[in-house]
C-alpha atoms as a PDB file:
ATOM      1  CA  MET A   1     114.011  75.819  77.181  1.00  0.00           C
ATOM      2  CA  PRO A   2     111.347  76.616  79.772  1.00  0.00           C
ATOM      3  CA  GLU A   3     108.969  73.889  80.729  1.00  0.00           C
ATOM      4  CA  VAL A   4     105.428  74.866  79.781  1.00  0.00           C
ATOM      5  CA  ASN A   5     102.408  72.945  80.983  1.00  0.00           C
ATOM      6  CA  TYR A   6      99.393  72.659  78.732  1.00  0.00           C
ATOM      7  CA  THR A   7      95.758  72.095  79.420  1.00  0.00           C
ATOM      8  CA  ASN A   8      93.276  70.647  76.996  1.00  0.00           C
ATOM      9  CA  ASP A   9      90.223  72.539  75.867  1.00  0.00           C
ATOM     10  CA  ASN A  10      87.228  70.532  77.072  1.00  0.00           C
ATOM     11  CA  LEU A  11      85.139  71.322  74.008  1.00  0.00           C
ATOM     12  CA  ASN A  12      87.477  69.911  71.406  1.00  0.00           C
ATOM     13  CA  GLU A  13      90.554  68.266  72.894  1.00  0.00           C
ATOM     14  CA  ASN A  14      92.264  67.467  69.631  1.00  0.00           C
ATOM     15  CA  ASP A  15      92.204  70.951  68.095  1.00  0.00           C
ATOM     16  CA  TYR A  16      94.731  72.697  70.311  1.00  0.00           C
ATOM     17  CA  GLN A  17      96.263  72.958  73.718  1.00  0.00           C
ATOM     18  CA  LYS A  18      96.707  76.248  75.536  1.00  0.00           C
ATOM     19  CA  PRO A  19      99.435  77.041  78.083  1.00  0.00           C
ATOM     20  CA  ILE A  20      98.497  77.280  81.767  1.00  0.00           C
ATOM     21  CA  LEU A  21      99.220  80.499  83.627  1.00  0.00           C
ATOM     22  CA  PRO A  22     101.928  79.675  86.217  1.00  0.00           C
ATOM     23  CA  SER A  23     100.912  80.363  89.811  1.00  0.00           C
ATOM     24  CA  GLY A  24     103.798  82.795  90.427  1.00  0.00           C
ATOM     25  CA  LEU A  25     102.842  84.881  87.426  1.00  0.00           C
ATOM     26  CA  ASN A  26      99.185  84.686  88.454  1.00  0.00           C
ATOM     27  CA  VAL A  27      99.960  86.043  91.937  1.00  0.00           C
ATOM     28  CA  LEU A  28     102.193  88.821  90.593  1.00  0.00           C
ATOM     29  CA  THR A  29      99.593  89.999  88.093  1.00  0.00           C
ATOM     30  CA  ILE A  30      96.847  89.991  90.717  1.00  0.00           C
ATOM     31  CA  LEU A  31      99.073  92.039  93.035  1.00  0.00           C
ATOM     32  CA  THR A  32      99.782  94.378  90.120  1.00  0.00           C
ATOM     33  CA  PHE A  33      96.064  94.882  89.478  1.00  0.00           C
ATOM     34  CA  ILE A  34      95.542  95.671  93.165  1.00  0.00           C
ATOM     35  CA  GLY A  35      98.531  98.024  93.119  1.00  0.00           C
ATOM     36  CA  CYS A  36      97.205  99.759  89.996  1.00  0.00           C
ATOM     37  CA  ALA A  37      93.835 100.336  91.674  1.00  0.00           C
ATOM     38  CA  ILE A  38      95.445 101.717  94.830  1.00  0.00           C
ATOM     39  CA  GLY A  39      97.853 103.799  92.742  1.00  0.00           C
ATOM     40  CA  ALA A  40      94.988 105.240  90.703  1.00  0.00           C
ATOM     41  CA  ILE A  41      93.124 106.236  93.864  1.00  0.00           C
ATOM     42  CA  PHE A  42      96.173 107.913  95.380  1.00  0.00           C
ATOM     43  CA  THR A  43      97.030 109.612  92.093  1.00  0.00           C
ATOM     44  CA  LEU A  44      93.548 111.089  91.916  1.00  0.00           C
ATOM     45  CA  ILE A  45      93.537 112.325  95.526  1.00  0.00           C
ATOM     46  CA  THR A  46      97.103 113.686  95.519  1.00  0.00           C
ATOM     47  CA  PRO A  47      95.987 117.336  95.160  1.00  0.00           C
ATOM     48  CA  TRP A  48      93.724 117.016  98.216  1.00  0.00           C
ATOM     49  CA  ILE A  49      96.420 115.217 100.219  1.00  0.00           C
ATOM     50  CA  MET A  50      98.919 117.998  99.454  1.00  0.00           C
ATOM     51  CA  ASN A  51      96.449 120.746 100.446  1.00  0.00           C
ATOM     52  CA  PHE A  52      95.551 118.877 103.633  1.00  0.00           C
ATOM     53  CA  SER A  53      99.240 118.444 104.518  1.00  0.00           C
ATOM     54  CA  ILE A  54      99.965 122.168 104.077  1.00  0.00           C
ATOM     55  CA  LYS A  55      96.954 123.067 106.237  1.00  0.00           C
ATOM     56  CA  MET A  56      98.087 120.676 108.974  1.00  0.00           C
ATOM     57  CA  MET A  57     101.602 122.144 108.922  1.00  0.00           C
ATOM     58  CA  ASP A  58     100.194 125.656 109.175  1.00  0.00           C
ATOM     59  CA  LYS A  59      97.972 124.554 112.053  1.00  0.00           C
ATOM     60  CA  ALA A  60     100.915 122.930 113.862  1.00  0.00           C
ATOM     61  CA  ALA A  61     103.039 126.060 113.423  1.00  0.00           C
ATOM     62  CA  ALA A  62     100.226 128.337 114.640  1.00  0.00           C
ATOM     63  CA  SER A  63      99.259 126.159 117.602  1.00  0.00           C
ATOM     64  CA  GLY A  64     101.791 127.795 119.875  1.00  0.00           C
ATOM     65  CA  ASP A  65     103.405 124.481 120.783  1.00  0.00           C
ATOM     66  CA  GLU A  66     107.158 124.715 120.705  1.00  0.00           C
ATOM     67  CA  LEU A  67     108.639 122.499 118.020  1.00  0.00           C
ATOM     68  CA  SER A  68     112.063 120.973 118.508  1.00  0.00           C
ATOM     69  CA  ALA A  69     114.787 121.939 116.052  1.00  0.00           C
ATOM     70  CA  LYS A  70     114.542 118.513 114.438  1.00  0.00           C
ATOM     71  CA  GLN A  71     110.757 118.752 114.048  1.00  0.00           C
ATOM     72  CA  ALA A  72     111.008 122.254 112.594  1.00  0.00           C
ATOM     73  CA  THR A  73     113.669 121.133 110.101  1.00  0.00           C
ATOM     74  CA  GLU A  74     111.649 118.073 109.026  1.00  0.00           C
ATOM     75  CA  MET A  75     108.505 120.153 108.665  1.00  0.00           C
ATOM     76  CA  GLU A  76     110.294 122.719 106.512  1.00  0.00           C
ATOM     77  CA  LYS A  77     111.787 119.990 104.325  1.00  0.00           C
ATOM     78  CA  SER A  78     108.354 118.413 103.903  1.00  0.00           C
ATOM     79  CA  ARG A  79     106.778 121.782 103.119  1.00  0.00           C
ATOM     80  CA  GLN A  80     109.318 122.394 100.352  1.00  0.00           C
ATOM     81  CA  ALA A  81     108.620 118.954  98.844  1.00  0.00           C
ATOM     82  CA  ILE A  82     104.860 119.541  98.992  1.00  0.00           C
ATOM     83  CA  GLU A  83     105.161 122.971  97.391  1.00  0.00           C
ATOM     84  CA  LEU A  84     107.366 121.493  94.645  1.00  0.00           C
ATOM     85  CA  THR A  85     104.766 118.771  94.109  1.00  0.00           C
ATOM     86  CA  GLN A  86     101.982 121.350  93.917  1.00  0.00           C
ATOM     87  CA  SER A  87     103.894 123.422  91.363  1.00  0.00           C
ATOM     88  CA  ASN A  88     104.380 120.318  89.176  1.00  0.00           C
ATOM     89  CA  MET A  89     101.001 118.715  89.885  1.00  0.00           C
ATOM     90  CA  LEU A  90      99.725 118.265  86.330  1.00  0.00           C
ATOM     91  CA  PRO A  91     102.903 116.640  84.931  1.00  0.00           C
ATOM     92  CA  LEU A  92     103.187 114.408  88.019  1.00  0.00           C
ATOM     93  CA  LEU A  93      99.547 113.308  87.707  1.00  0.00           C
ATOM     94  CA  LEU A  94      99.949 112.584  83.982  1.00  0.00           C
ATOM     95  CA  ILE A  95     103.146 110.621  84.544  1.00  0.00           C
ATOM     96  CA  GLY A  96     101.513 108.662  87.360  1.00  0.00           C
ATOM     97  CA  ALA A  97      98.396 107.880  85.304  1.00  0.00           C
ATOM     98  CA  LEU A  98     100.442 106.800  82.292  1.00  0.00           C
ATOM     99  CA  GLY A  99     102.590 104.578  84.495  1.00  0.00           C
ATOM    100  CA  ILE A 100      99.495 102.930  86.002  1.00  0.00           C
ATOM    101  CA  ILE A 101      97.991 102.313  82.565  1.00  0.00           C
ATOM    102  CA  LEU A 102     101.230 100.803  81.235  1.00  0.00           C
ATOM    103  CA  CYS A 103     101.590  98.533  84.279  1.00  0.00           C
ATOM    104  CA  PHE A 104      97.981  97.378  83.974  1.00  0.00           C
ATOM    105  CA  VAL A 105      98.262  96.672  80.225  1.00  0.00           C
ATOM    106  CA  GLY A 106     101.612  94.933  80.697  1.00  0.00           C
ATOM    107  CA  ALA A 107     100.209  92.706  83.439  1.00  0.00           C
ATOM    108  CA  LEU A 108      97.186  91.856  81.283  1.00  0.00           C
ATOM    109  CA  MET A 109      99.493  90.876  78.440  1.00  0.00           C
ATOM    110  CA  MET A 110     101.629  88.760  80.748  1.00  0.00           C
ATOM    111  CA  ARG A 111      98.495  86.938  81.928  1.00  0.00           C
ATOM    112  CA  LYS A 112      98.096  85.986  78.258  1.00  0.00           C
ATOM    113  CA  LEU A 113     101.783  84.888  78.366  1.00  0.00           C
ATOM    114  CA  LYS A 114     102.881  87.592  75.900  1.00  0.00           C
ATOM    115  CA  LYS A 115     106.556  88.567  76.101  1.00  0.00           C
ATOM    116  CA  ASP A 116     105.935  92.218  75.214  1.00  0.00           C
ATOM    117  CA  GLY A 117     103.853  92.592  78.363  1.00  0.00           C
ATOM    118  CA  PHE A 118     106.999  92.435  80.478  1.00  0.00           C
ATOM    119  CA  TRP A 119     108.586  95.413  78.706  1.00  0.00           C
ATOM    120  CA  ILE A 120     105.378  97.437  78.810  1.00  0.00           C
ATOM    121  CA  TYR A 121     105.161  96.712  82.544  1.00  0.00           C
ATOM    122  CA  VAL A 122     108.800  97.741  83.077  1.00  0.00           C
ATOM    123  CA  GLY A 123     108.109 100.976  81.192  1.00  0.00           C
ATOM    124  CA  GLY A 124     105.116 101.596  83.441  1.00  0.00           C
ATOM    125  CA  GLN A 125     107.257 101.152  86.549  1.00  0.00           C
ATOM    126  CA  VAL A 126     110.310 103.110  85.366  1.00  0.00           C
ATOM    127  CA  LEU A 127     108.419 106.070  83.853  1.00  0.00           C
ATOM    128  CA  PRO A 128     107.073 107.413  87.186  1.00  0.00           C
ATOM    129  CA  LEU A 129     110.408 106.837  88.926  1.00  0.00           C
ATOM    130  CA  ALA A 130     112.332 108.700  86.240  1.00  0.00           C
ATOM    131  CA  GLY A 131     109.647 111.363  85.755  1.00  0.00           C
ATOM    132  CA  ASN A 132     109.334 112.107  89.462  1.00  0.00           C
ATOM    133  CA  PHE A 133     113.101 112.232  89.819  1.00  0.00           C
ATOM    134  CA  ALA A 134     113.384 114.595  86.830  1.00  0.00           C
ATOM    135  CA  LEU A 135     110.716 116.939  88.203  1.00  0.00           C
ATOM    136  CA  MET A 136     111.412 116.717  91.928  1.00  0.00           C
ATOM    137  CA  GLY A 137     114.979 115.484  92.277  1.00  0.00           C
ATOM    138  CA  MET A 138     115.996 114.393  95.755  1.00  0.00           C
ATOM    139  CA  ALA A 139     113.294 116.601  97.321  1.00  0.00           C
ATOM    140  CA  GLN A 140     110.852 113.697  97.028  1.00  0.00           C
ATOM    141  CA  PHE A 141     112.827 111.658  99.556  1.00  0.00           C
ATOM    142  CA  THR A 142     111.610 113.191 102.798  1.00  0.00           C
ATOM    143  CA  SER A 143     110.907 110.022 104.788  1.00  0.00           C
ATOM    144  CA  VAL A 144     111.571 106.309 104.977  1.00  0.00           C
ATOM    145  CA  TRP A 145     108.221 105.723 103.267  1.00  0.00           C
ATOM    146  CA  SER A 146     109.411 107.565 100.143  1.00  0.00           C
ATOM    147  CA  TYR A 147     112.388 105.194  99.905  1.00  0.00           C
ATOM    148  CA  VAL A 148     110.093 102.169 100.278  1.00  0.00           C
ATOM    149  CA  MET A 149     107.892 103.488  97.463  1.00  0.00           C
ATOM    150  CA  PHE A 150     111.033 103.682  95.317  1.00  0.00           C
ATOM    151  CA  ILE A 151     112.100 100.106  96.137  1.00  0.00           C
ATOM    152  CA  ILE A 152     108.739  98.348  95.562  1.00  0.00           C
ATOM    153  CA  PRO A 153     108.747  98.820  91.745  1.00  0.00           C
ATOM    154  CA  ILE A 154     112.313  97.531  91.547  1.00  0.00           C
ATOM    155  CA  VAL A 155     111.375  94.413  93.530  1.00  0.00           C
ATOM    156  CA  PHE A 156     108.376  93.754  91.275  1.00  0.00           C
ATOM    157  CA  ILE A 157     110.475  94.159  88.124  1.00  0.00           C
ATOM    158  CA  ILE A 158     112.929  91.584  89.496  1.00  0.00           C
ATOM    159  CA  LEU A 159     110.071  89.206  90.412  1.00  0.00           C
ATOM    160  CA  TYR A 160     108.526  89.537  86.949  1.00  0.00           C
ATOM    161  CA  ALA A 161     111.937  89.018  85.337  1.00  0.00           C
ATOM    162  CA  GLY A 162     112.069  85.653  87.097  1.00  0.00           C
ATOM    163  CA  GLN A 163     108.759  84.742  85.458  1.00  0.00           C
ATOM    164  CA  ARG A 164     109.800  85.703  81.904  1.00  0.00           C
ATOM    165  CA  LYS A 165     110.604  82.082  81.066  1.00  0.00           C
ATOM    166  CA  TYR A 166     106.865  81.360  81.072  1.00  0.00           C
ATOM    167  CA  LEU A 167     106.067  84.090  78.571  1.00  0.00           C
ATOM    168  CA  VAL A 168     105.876  82.089  75.351  1.00  0.00           C
ATOM    169  CA  ARG A 169     103.945  84.260  72.893  1.00  0.00           C
END
């Protein structure tokens, strides 16, 4: 049985006691809110980022500077991933937005110590991973950064799972 601390309501101490939000869960939910805000910004500017990236690749290719074989291969791989992203832009944006909303709602529910919030949060983290993989396959993994962005949700799910014992409602 998890140990739950209670605090008294100052207005009427005898009526009820409400559970205190554990500090670990508090920190995780705050980080989730920050991550949702950053994710929403990047989701909204993804079309512009993709267009900018294509223009920069075209500029680099037309500059006359000789690219090494490795640079040319990496640039071509990146171009294919960007073009695949552009061709699936609307579904990717919808999946990303839905994932952000689910994560935000799940974190809000967990701040109220509701058990269902954990599963809503997990759905919000897994949906974009699965959706992106279904639409883009392995083409989305063009750099180390793309692997890090795949690992972060898994780490947060594990951290939240460790806090489930405090979810009492």
